[in-house]
Amino acid sequence: MLLIGIGAGDPRYVTQQAIAALNAADVFFVMEKGAEKDDLVALRREVCERFIEDQSYRIVAVRDPERDRTAAAYASAVDDWRRARAEIWERLIADELGEDGVGAILVWGDPSLYDSTLTIMDSILATGRVRFGVEVIPGISAIAALCARHAIALNRVGEAVHITTGRRLAREGFAPNAPDVVVMLDAHCSFDALRGEPIDIYWGAYLGTPDEILVAGALGEVSDEIQRVRAEARTRKGWIMDTYLLRRQSP
C-alpha cells in the first residue's frame, strides 16, 4: 500500500516522488465524507487525472464511517471510528487488490502529521488477515503551507516549537517552555482565551485552495475577525480546515 501525501490543497504541492507513486498504483481508495465535502474527493480525482499517465487505474470510493463528535470520552470515540475505518480498508484491500496489485491512499497534507491512516494500516496488519507492505510518500503539510503563505519561519533561532490541538490548548494553555505553538484541529477557536496576552497569531484556512483565507496580527486585535471569517466560511462551505501559529511577542 502506498500512502501518498498530496499536500495541503494546491495540486502543485504534489512532489515528483508522489507523482512517481501515483503512476505505480493500480487502485486508489477514497473515503467520501458526504456532499458538503465533495471538493476534497474532487481534488484527489484531479490529482490523479493531472499526474497519472496511464488512465487505466481505478478509484474505489466508500462512505467514511461517522464519528461521534459529541461523545464525552473523546479518545474512545476516535478509537471506535478508527476501528470502523480499519474494517473497511481491510475489506477493500482484500477484495479489490490482486496478489500483485498496488493500492494507494491519497492523504491530505502529510501522512505523519495528525492523520490516522498510518495507525489504521498498522492495526490492519496486526490482525494478520491480510498481508501487504506500506510505503509512505511525504507531502507538504498544512504547517509548511501556513508558514509559506505568511512568509514566516516556523521557529525562531535556537527555540522550540510546540505542536498541539485546539482541545489540548484549551485544557493546558500555552506551552510554558515554547515561545511558538502550532495549533491544529481547533473547532472552537481556543486561541481566544489567550487574547489578553502578548501573542501574535498567524491563521490560515483552506490553505492552498481557491478558498484560502489568511489573517495575521496581534491576537487581541484580530481574534474577533478570525472568528467572524471562520464562521462565515464554515457556513458557506459546510466544513473548514484551518491551523495557526501562536507566537509570543519579543520583549
C-alpha atoms as a PDB file:
ATOM      1  CA  MET A   1       0.000   0.000   0.000  1.00  0.00           C
ATOM      2  CA  LEU A   2       1.191   3.468  -0.901  1.00  0.00           C
ATOM      3  CA  LEU A   3       0.242   6.279   1.476  1.00  0.00           C
ATOM      4  CA  ILE A   4       0.820   9.346  -0.676  1.00  0.00           C
ATOM      5  CA  GLY A   5       0.902  12.806   0.858  1.00  0.00           C
ATOM      6  CA  ILE A   6      -0.600  15.179  -1.702  1.00  0.00           C
ATOM      7  CA  GLY A   7      -0.088  18.438   0.160  1.00  0.00           C
ATOM      8  CA  ALA A   8      -2.381  20.946   1.789  1.00  0.00           C
ATOM      9  CA  GLY A   9      -4.691  21.686  -1.133  1.00  0.00           C
ATOM     10  CA  ASP A  10      -2.853  23.034  -4.168  1.00  0.00           C
ATOM     11  CA  PRO A  11      -2.230  20.285  -6.769  1.00  0.00           C
ATOM     12  CA  ARG A  12       1.111  21.980  -7.422  1.00  0.00           C
ATOM     13  CA  TYR A  13       2.176  20.834  -3.941  1.00  0.00           C
ATOM     14  CA  VAL A  14       2.333  17.257  -5.262  1.00  0.00           C
ATOM     15  CA  THR A  15       6.008  16.271  -5.371  1.00  0.00           C
ATOM     16  CA  GLN A  16       7.875  14.380  -8.059  1.00  0.00           C
ATOM     17  CA  GLN A  17       8.161  11.447  -5.658  1.00  0.00           C
ATOM     18  CA  ALA A  18       4.397  11.490  -5.185  1.00  0.00           C
ATOM     19  CA  ILE A  19       3.839  11.610  -8.963  1.00  0.00           C
ATOM     20  CA  ALA A  20       6.024   8.508  -9.394  1.00  0.00           C
ATOM     21  CA  ALA A  21       3.998   6.743  -6.692  1.00  0.00           C
ATOM     22  CA  LEU A  22       0.713   7.784  -8.309  1.00  0.00           C
ATOM     23  CA  ASN A  23       1.837   6.177 -11.544  1.00  0.00           C
ATOM     24  CA  ALA A  24       2.780   2.957  -9.745  1.00  0.00           C
ATOM     25  CA  ALA A  25      -0.680   2.391  -8.238  1.00  0.00           C
ATOM     26  CA  ASP A  26      -3.474   0.285  -9.710  1.00  0.00           C
ATOM     27  CA  VAL A  27      -6.290   1.125  -7.295  1.00  0.00           C
ATOM     28  CA  PHE A  28      -6.912   4.275  -5.258  1.00  0.00           C
ATOM     29  CA  PHE A  29      -9.063   4.010  -2.148  1.00  0.00           C
ATOM     30  CA  VAL A  30     -11.044   7.110  -1.193  1.00  0.00           C
ATOM     31  CA  MET A  31     -13.229   7.815   1.831  1.00  0.00           C
ATOM     32  CA  GLU A  32     -16.188  10.038   0.963  1.00  0.00           C
ATOM     33  CA  LYS A  33     -17.352  12.348   3.744  1.00  0.00           C
ATOM     34  CA  GLY A  34     -20.704  13.465   2.386  1.00  0.00           C
ATOM     35  CA  ALA A  35     -21.888  16.075  -0.097  1.00  0.00           C
ATOM     36  CA  GLU A  36     -20.560  19.015   1.908  1.00  0.00           C
ATOM     37  CA  LYS A  37     -17.004  17.713   1.467  1.00  0.00           C
ATOM     38  CA  ASP A  38     -17.232  16.592  -2.154  1.00  0.00           C
ATOM     39  CA  ASP A  39     -14.488  19.049  -3.097  1.00  0.00           C
ATOM     40  CA  LEU A  40     -11.998  17.049  -1.003  1.00  0.00           C
ATOM     41  CA  VAL A  41     -12.729  13.989  -3.124  1.00  0.00           C
ATOM     42  CA  ALA A  42     -12.713  16.123  -6.269  1.00  0.00           C
ATOM     43  CA  LEU A  43      -9.193  17.327  -5.507  1.00  0.00           C
ATOM     44  CA  ARG A  44      -7.979  13.738  -5.193  1.00  0.00           C
ATOM     45  CA  ARG A  45      -9.565  12.898  -8.541  1.00  0.00           C
ATOM     46  CA  GLU A  46      -7.956  15.993 -10.078  1.00  0.00           C
ATOM     47  CA  VAL A  47      -4.550  14.932  -8.800  1.00  0.00           C
ATOM     48  CA  CYS A  48      -4.980  11.516 -10.405  1.00  0.00           C
ATOM     49  CA  GLU A  49      -6.187  12.941 -13.721  1.00  0.00           C
ATOM     50  CA  ARG A  50      -3.414  15.520 -13.839  1.00  0.00           C
ATOM     51  CA  PHE A  51      -0.419  13.357 -12.969  1.00  0.00           C
ATOM     52  CA  ILE A  52      -1.168   9.733 -13.942  1.00  0.00           C
ATOM     53  CA  GLU A  53      -0.185   8.855 -17.488  1.00  0.00           C
ATOM     54  CA  ASP A  54      -1.988   5.518 -17.818  1.00  0.00           C
ATOM     55  CA  GLN A  55      -5.662   6.206 -17.177  1.00  0.00           C
ATOM     56  CA  SER A  56      -6.500   2.529 -16.582  1.00  0.00           C
ATOM     57  CA  TYR A  57      -6.286   2.947 -12.791  1.00  0.00           C
ATOM     58  CA  ARG A  58      -9.407   2.503 -10.676  1.00  0.00           C
ATOM     59  CA  ILE A  59     -10.810   4.644  -7.876  1.00  0.00           C
ATOM     60  CA  VAL A  60     -12.796   2.792  -5.219  1.00  0.00           C
ATOM     61  CA  ALA A  61     -14.821   5.190  -3.081  1.00  0.00           C
ATOM     62  CA  VAL A  62     -16.714   4.274   0.085  1.00  0.00           C
ATOM     63  CA  ARG A  63     -18.556   6.308   2.681  1.00  0.00           C
ATOM     64  CA  ASP A  64     -16.454   7.298   5.688  1.00  0.00           C
ATOM     65  CA  PRO A  65     -17.977   5.942   8.928  1.00  0.00           C
ATOM     66  CA  GLU A  66     -19.500   8.593  11.141  1.00  0.00           C
ATOM     67  CA  ARG A  67     -17.568   9.718  14.205  1.00  0.00           C
ATOM     68  CA  ASP A  68     -19.419  10.668  17.368  1.00  0.00           C
ATOM     69  CA  ARG A  69     -18.227  14.232  17.921  1.00  0.00           C
ATOM     70  CA  THR A  70     -20.475  14.733  20.958  1.00  0.00           C
ATOM     71  CA  ALA A  71     -19.143  11.808  22.996  1.00  0.00           C
ATOM     72  CA  ALA A  72     -17.838  12.692  26.446  1.00  0.00           C
ATOM     73  CA  ALA A  73     -14.995  10.182  26.022  1.00  0.00           C
ATOM     74  CA  TYR A  74     -13.232  11.764  23.047  1.00  0.00           C
ATOM     75  CA  ALA A  75     -10.400   9.220  22.826  1.00  0.00           C
ATOM     76  CA  SER A  76     -12.817   6.283  22.882  1.00  0.00           C
ATOM     77  CA  ALA A  77     -14.929   7.847  20.132  1.00  0.00           C
ATOM     78  CA  VAL A  78     -11.832   8.290  17.971  1.00  0.00           C
ATOM     79  CA  ASP A  79     -10.760   4.696  18.638  1.00  0.00           C
ATOM     80  CA  ASP A  80     -14.209   3.423  17.586  1.00  0.00           C
ATOM     81  CA  TRP A  81     -14.068   5.489  14.399  1.00  0.00           C
ATOM     82  CA  ARG A  82     -10.593   4.208  13.550  1.00  0.00           C
ATOM     83  CA  ARG A  83     -11.670   0.611  14.102  1.00  0.00           C
ATOM     84  CA  ALA A  84     -14.615   1.126  11.758  1.00  0.00           C
ATOM     85  CA  ARG A  85     -12.292   2.611   9.158  1.00  0.00           C
ATOM     86  CA  ALA A  86      -9.832  -0.250   9.576  1.00  0.00           C
ATOM     87  CA  GLU A  87     -12.572  -2.806   8.900  1.00  0.00           C
ATOM     88  CA  ILE A  88     -13.492  -1.004   5.680  1.00  0.00           C
ATOM     89  CA  TRP A  89      -9.896  -0.661   4.458  1.00  0.00           C
ATOM     90  CA  GLU A  90      -9.178  -4.304   5.275  1.00  0.00           C
ATOM     91  CA  ARG A  91     -12.178  -5.486   3.279  1.00  0.00           C
ATOM     92  CA  LEU A  92     -11.331  -3.272   0.317  1.00  0.00           C
ATOM     93  CA  ILE A  93      -7.694  -4.331   0.239  1.00  0.00           C
ATOM     94  CA  ALA A  94      -8.731  -7.998   0.322  1.00  0.00           C
ATOM     95  CA  ASP A  95     -11.473  -7.598  -2.303  1.00  0.00           C
ATOM     96  CA  GLU A  96     -10.032  -5.053  -4.717  1.00  0.00           C
ATOM     97  CA  LEU A  97      -6.323  -5.862  -4.918  1.00  0.00           C
ATOM     98  CA  GLY A  98      -4.931  -8.941  -6.569  1.00  0.00           C
ATOM     99  CA  GLU A  99      -1.824 -10.680  -5.313  1.00  0.00           C
ATOM    100  CA  ASP A 100       0.445  -8.290  -7.219  1.00  0.00           C
ATOM    101  CA  GLY A 101      -1.830  -5.240  -7.126  1.00  0.00           C
ATOM    102  CA  VAL A 102      -0.678  -1.896  -5.783  1.00  0.00           C
ATOM    103  CA  GLY A 103      -3.151   0.109  -3.759  1.00  0.00           C
ATOM    104  CA  ALA A 104      -2.857   3.732  -2.739  1.00  0.00           C
ATOM    105  CA  ILE A 105      -4.486   6.202  -0.378  1.00  0.00           C
ATOM    106  CA  LEU A 106      -4.071   9.900  -1.081  1.00  0.00           C
ATOM    107  CA  VAL A 107      -3.511  11.657   2.220  1.00  0.00           C
ATOM    108  CA  TRP A 108      -4.281  15.352   2.617  1.00  0.00           C
ATOM    109  CA  GLY A 109      -1.116  17.125   3.789  1.00  0.00           C
ATOM    110  CA  ASP A 110       1.450  14.685   5.166  1.00  0.00           C
ATOM    111  CA  PRO A 111       0.710  11.138   6.423  1.00  0.00           C
ATOM    112  CA  SER A 112       2.885  11.613   9.512  1.00  0.00           C
ATOM    113  CA  LEU A 113       1.145  14.674  10.979  1.00  0.00           C
ATOM    114  CA  TYR A 114      -2.283  14.432  12.639  1.00  0.00           C
ATOM    115  CA  ASP A 115      -3.522  11.814  10.218  1.00  0.00           C
ATOM    116  CA  SER A 116      -4.852   8.398  11.198  1.00  0.00           C
ATOM    117  CA  THR A 117      -4.025   6.418   8.052  1.00  0.00           C
ATOM    118  CA  LEU A 118      -0.682   5.022   9.233  1.00  0.00           C
ATOM    119  CA  THR A 119      -2.153   3.931  12.551  1.00  0.00           C
ATOM    120  CA  ILE A 120      -5.050   2.240  10.779  1.00  0.00           C
ATOM    121  CA  MET A 121      -2.715   0.381   8.410  1.00  0.00           C
ATOM    122  CA  ASP A 122      -0.740  -0.876  11.429  1.00  0.00           C
ATOM    123  CA  SER A 123      -3.932  -2.130  13.072  1.00  0.00           C
ATOM    124  CA  ILE A 124      -4.964  -3.973   9.884  1.00  0.00           C
ATOM    125  CA  LEU A 125      -1.588  -5.674   9.595  1.00  0.00           C
ATOM    126  CA  ALA A 126      -1.736  -6.636  13.265  1.00  0.00           C
ATOM    127  CA  THR A 127      -4.783  -8.828  12.625  1.00  0.00           C
ATOM    128  CA  GLY A 128      -2.800 -10.978  10.192  1.00  0.00           C
ATOM    129  CA  ARG A 129      -5.814 -11.448   7.936  1.00  0.00           C
ATOM    130  CA  VAL A 130      -4.258  -9.561   5.030  1.00  0.00           C
ATOM    131  CA  ARG A 131      -0.617  -9.017   4.211  1.00  0.00           C
ATOM    132  CA  PHE A 132       0.896  -6.030   2.444  1.00  0.00           C
ATOM    133  CA  GLY A 133       3.812  -3.665   2.643  1.00  0.00           C
ATOM    134  CA  VAL A 134       3.428   0.029   3.417  1.00  0.00           C
ATOM    135  CA  GLU A 135       5.385   2.824   1.737  1.00  0.00           C
ATOM    136  CA  VAL A 136       4.890   6.425   2.848  1.00  0.00           C
ATOM    137  CA  ILE A 137       5.375   9.348   0.484  1.00  0.00           C
ATOM    138  CA  PRO A 138       5.682  12.635   2.419  1.00  0.00           C
ATOM    139  CA  GLY A 139       3.613  15.655   1.470  1.00  0.00           C
ATOM    140  CA  ILE A 140       3.647  19.388   2.113  1.00  0.00           C
ATOM    141  CA  SER A 141       1.871  19.777   5.438  1.00  0.00           C
ATOM    142  CA  ALA A 142      -0.621  22.452   6.436  1.00  0.00           C
ATOM    143  CA  ILE A 143       2.051  23.809   8.789  1.00  0.00           C
ATOM    144  CA  ALA A 144       4.561  24.218   5.971  1.00  0.00           C
ATOM    145  CA  ALA A 145       1.909  25.820   3.765  1.00  0.00           C
ATOM    146  CA  LEU A 146       0.822  28.166   6.569  1.00  0.00           C
ATOM    147  CA  CYS A 147       4.350  29.437   7.143  1.00  0.00           C
ATOM    148  CA  ALA A 148       4.976  29.827   3.426  1.00  0.00           C
ATOM    149  CA  ARG A 149       1.775  31.783   2.839  1.00  0.00           C
ATOM    150  CA  HIS A 150       2.522  34.132   5.746  1.00  0.00           C
ATOM    151  CA  ALA A 151       6.229  34.309   4.742  1.00  0.00           C
ATOM    152  CA  ILE A 152       7.434  33.435   8.243  1.00  0.00           C
ATOM    153  CA  ALA A 153       9.813  30.870   9.705  1.00  0.00           C
ATOM    154  CA  LEU A 154       8.260  28.134  11.813  1.00  0.00           C
ATOM    155  CA  ASN A 155      10.792  28.514  14.606  1.00  0.00           C
ATOM    156  CA  ARG A 156      12.975  31.283  15.961  1.00  0.00           C
ATOM    157  CA  VAL A 157      16.728  30.865  16.345  1.00  0.00           C
ATOM    158  CA  GLY A 158      17.532  28.151  18.858  1.00  0.00           C
ATOM    159  CA  GLU A 159      13.931  27.981  20.075  1.00  0.00           C
ATOM    160  CA  ALA A 160      11.442  25.132  20.345  1.00  0.00           C
ATOM    161  CA  VAL A 161       8.130  24.787  18.549  1.00  0.00           C
ATOM    162  CA  HIS A 162       5.207  23.046  20.227  1.00  0.00           C
ATOM    163  CA  ILE A 163       2.569  21.354  18.023  1.00  0.00           C
ATOM    164  CA  THR A 164      -0.748  20.620  19.667  1.00  0.00           C
ATOM    165  CA  THR A 165      -4.512  20.518  19.158  1.00  0.00           C
ATOM    166  CA  GLY A 166      -7.216  23.021  19.966  1.00  0.00           C
ATOM    167  CA  ARG A 167      -8.601  20.638  22.577  1.00  0.00           C
ATOM    168  CA  ARG A 168      -5.271  20.466  24.398  1.00  0.00           C
ATOM    169  CA  LEU A 169      -4.662  24.206  24.066  1.00  0.00           C
ATOM    170  CA  ALA A 170      -7.996  24.855  25.765  1.00  0.00           C
ATOM    171  CA  ARG A 171      -7.154  22.436  28.560  1.00  0.00           C
ATOM    172  CA  GLU A 172      -3.442  23.129  29.073  1.00  0.00           C
ATOM    173  CA  GLY A 173      -2.914  26.682  27.822  1.00  0.00           C
ATOM    174  CA  PHE A 174       0.169  27.994  26.063  1.00  0.00           C
ATOM    175  CA  ALA A 175       3.154  25.639  26.456  1.00  0.00           C
ATOM    176  CA  PRO A 176       5.351  27.407  29.037  1.00  0.00           C
ATOM    177  CA  ASN A 177       8.719  26.457  27.540  1.00  0.00           C
ATOM    178  CA  ALA A 178       7.858  27.085  23.879  1.00  0.00           C
ATOM    179  CA  PRO A 179       7.613  30.636  22.535  1.00  0.00           C
ATOM    180  CA  ASP A 180       5.885  29.313  19.389  1.00  0.00           C
ATOM    181  CA  VAL A 181       2.877  26.997  19.354  1.00  0.00           C
ATOM    182  CA  VAL A 182       1.224  25.485  16.280  1.00  0.00           C
ATOM    183  CA  VAL A 183      -2.410  24.502  16.803  1.00  0.00           C
ATOM    184  CA  MET A 184      -4.342  22.077  14.621  1.00  0.00           C
ATOM    185  CA  LEU A 185      -7.849  20.618  14.779  1.00  0.00           C
ATOM    186  CA  ASP A 186      -9.304  23.567  16.684  1.00  0.00           C
ATOM    187  CA  ALA A 187     -13.062  23.582  16.171  1.00  0.00           C
ATOM    188  CA  HIS A 188     -13.750  26.055  18.980  1.00  0.00           C
ATOM    189  CA  CYS A 189     -11.264  28.922  18.444  1.00  0.00           C
ATOM    190  CA  SER A 190      -9.395  28.100  21.648  1.00  0.00           C
ATOM    191  CA  PHE A 191      -6.933  30.906  20.922  1.00  0.00           C
ATOM    192  CA  ASP A 192      -9.499  33.459  22.069  1.00  0.00           C
ATOM    193  CA  ALA A 193      -8.849  32.593  25.724  1.00  0.00           C
ATOM    194  CA  LEU A 194      -5.308  33.998  25.252  1.00  0.00           C
ATOM    195  CA  ARG A 195      -6.311  37.295  23.682  1.00  0.00           C
ATOM    196  CA  GLY A 196      -5.131  39.325  26.692  1.00  0.00           C
ATOM    197  CA  GLU A 197      -1.562  38.033  26.402  1.00  0.00           C
ATOM    198  CA  PRO A 198       1.222  39.500  24.202  1.00  0.00           C
ATOM    199  CA  ILE A 199       0.852  36.955  21.408  1.00  0.00           C
ATOM    200  CA  ASP A 200       0.778  37.228  17.629  1.00  0.00           C
ATOM    201  CA  ILE A 201      -1.298  34.796  15.579  1.00  0.00           C
ATOM    202  CA  TYR A 202      -0.796  33.599  12.019  1.00  0.00           C
ATOM    203  CA  TRP A 203      -4.011  31.863  10.972  1.00  0.00           C
ATOM    204  CA  GLY A 204      -4.990  30.170   7.722  1.00  0.00           C
ATOM    205  CA  ALA A 205      -7.939  28.175   6.405  1.00  0.00           C
ATOM    206  CA  TYR A 206      -8.357  26.105   3.206  1.00  0.00           C
ATOM    207  CA  LEU A 207      -4.630  26.525   2.647  1.00  0.00           C
ATOM    208  CA  GLY A 208      -3.535  26.059  -0.944  1.00  0.00           C
ATOM    209  CA  THR A 209      -7.075  26.151  -2.342  1.00  0.00           C
ATOM    210  CA  PRO A 210      -9.032  28.897  -4.151  1.00  0.00           C
ATOM    211  CA  ASP A 211     -10.940  29.459  -0.879  1.00  0.00           C
ATOM    212  CA  GLU A 212      -7.793  30.191   1.133  1.00  0.00           C
ATOM    213  CA  ILE A 213      -8.149  32.742   3.942  1.00  0.00           C
ATOM    214  CA  LEU A 214      -5.223  34.293   5.824  1.00  0.00           C
ATOM    215  CA  VAL A 215      -5.291  36.539   8.898  1.00  0.00           C
ATOM    216  CA  ALA A 216      -2.315  37.672  10.979  1.00  0.00           C
ATOM    217  CA  GLY A 217      -1.675  40.178  13.731  1.00  0.00           C
ATOM    218  CA  ALA A 218      -1.722  40.730  17.477  1.00  0.00           C
ATOM    219  CA  LEU A 219      -4.120  38.156  18.913  1.00  0.00           C
ATOM    220  CA  GLY A 220      -6.132  40.676  20.891  1.00  0.00           C
ATOM    221  CA  GLU A 221      -6.683  42.748  17.748  1.00  0.00           C
ATOM    222  CA  VAL A 222      -7.594  40.018  15.239  1.00  0.00           C
ATOM    223  CA  SER A 223      -9.273  37.315  17.336  1.00  0.00           C
ATOM    224  CA  ASP A 224     -12.768  38.636  16.606  1.00  0.00           C
ATOM    225  CA  GLU A 225     -12.006  38.918  12.879  1.00  0.00           C
ATOM    226  CA  ILE A 226     -10.737  35.330  12.699  1.00  0.00           C
ATOM    227  CA  GLN A 227     -13.819  34.010  14.473  1.00  0.00           C
ATOM    228  CA  ARG A 228     -16.087  36.015  12.170  1.00  0.00           C
ATOM    229  CA  VAL A 229     -14.494  34.955   8.873  1.00  0.00           C
ATOM    230  CA  ARG A 230     -14.151  31.388  10.105  1.00  0.00           C
ATOM    231  CA  ALA A 231     -17.846  31.147  10.982  1.00  0.00           C
ATOM    232  CA  GLU A 232     -18.857  32.706   7.658  1.00  0.00           C
ATOM    233  CA  ALA A 233     -16.616  30.347   5.673  1.00  0.00           C
ATOM    234  CA  ARG A 234     -17.808  27.266   7.521  1.00  0.00           C
ATOM    235  CA  THR A 235     -21.435  28.219   6.932  1.00  0.00           C
ATOM    236  CA  ARG A 236     -20.773  28.856   3.254  1.00  0.00           C
ATOM    237  CA  LYS A 237     -18.846  25.626   2.541  1.00  0.00           C
ATOM    238  CA  GLY A 238     -20.223  23.319   5.236  1.00  0.00           C
ATOM    239  CA  TRP A 239     -16.737  22.440   6.526  1.00  0.00           C
ATOM    240  CA  ILE A 240     -13.453  24.108   7.357  1.00  0.00           C
ATOM    241  CA  MET A 241      -9.844  23.053   7.812  1.00  0.00           C
ATOM    242  CA  ASP A 242      -7.655  25.629   9.479  1.00  0.00           C
ATOM    243  CA  THR A 243      -4.481  25.864  11.501  1.00  0.00           C
ATOM    244  CA  TYR A 244      -2.493  28.610  13.130  1.00  0.00           C
ATOM    245  CA  LEU A 245       0.762  29.590  14.787  1.00  0.00           C
ATOM    246  CA  LEU A 246       0.774  31.451  18.101  1.00  0.00           C
ATOM    247  CA  ARG A 247       3.977  33.413  18.685  1.00  0.00           C
ATOM    248  CA  ARG A 248       4.877  35.190  21.892  1.00  0.00           C
ATOM    249  CA  GLN A 249       5.856  38.751  21.128  1.00  0.00           C
ATOM    250  CA  SER A 250       9.505  39.567  21.780  1.00  0.00           C
ATOM    251  CA  PRO A 251      10.144  41.844  24.771  1.00  0.00           C
END
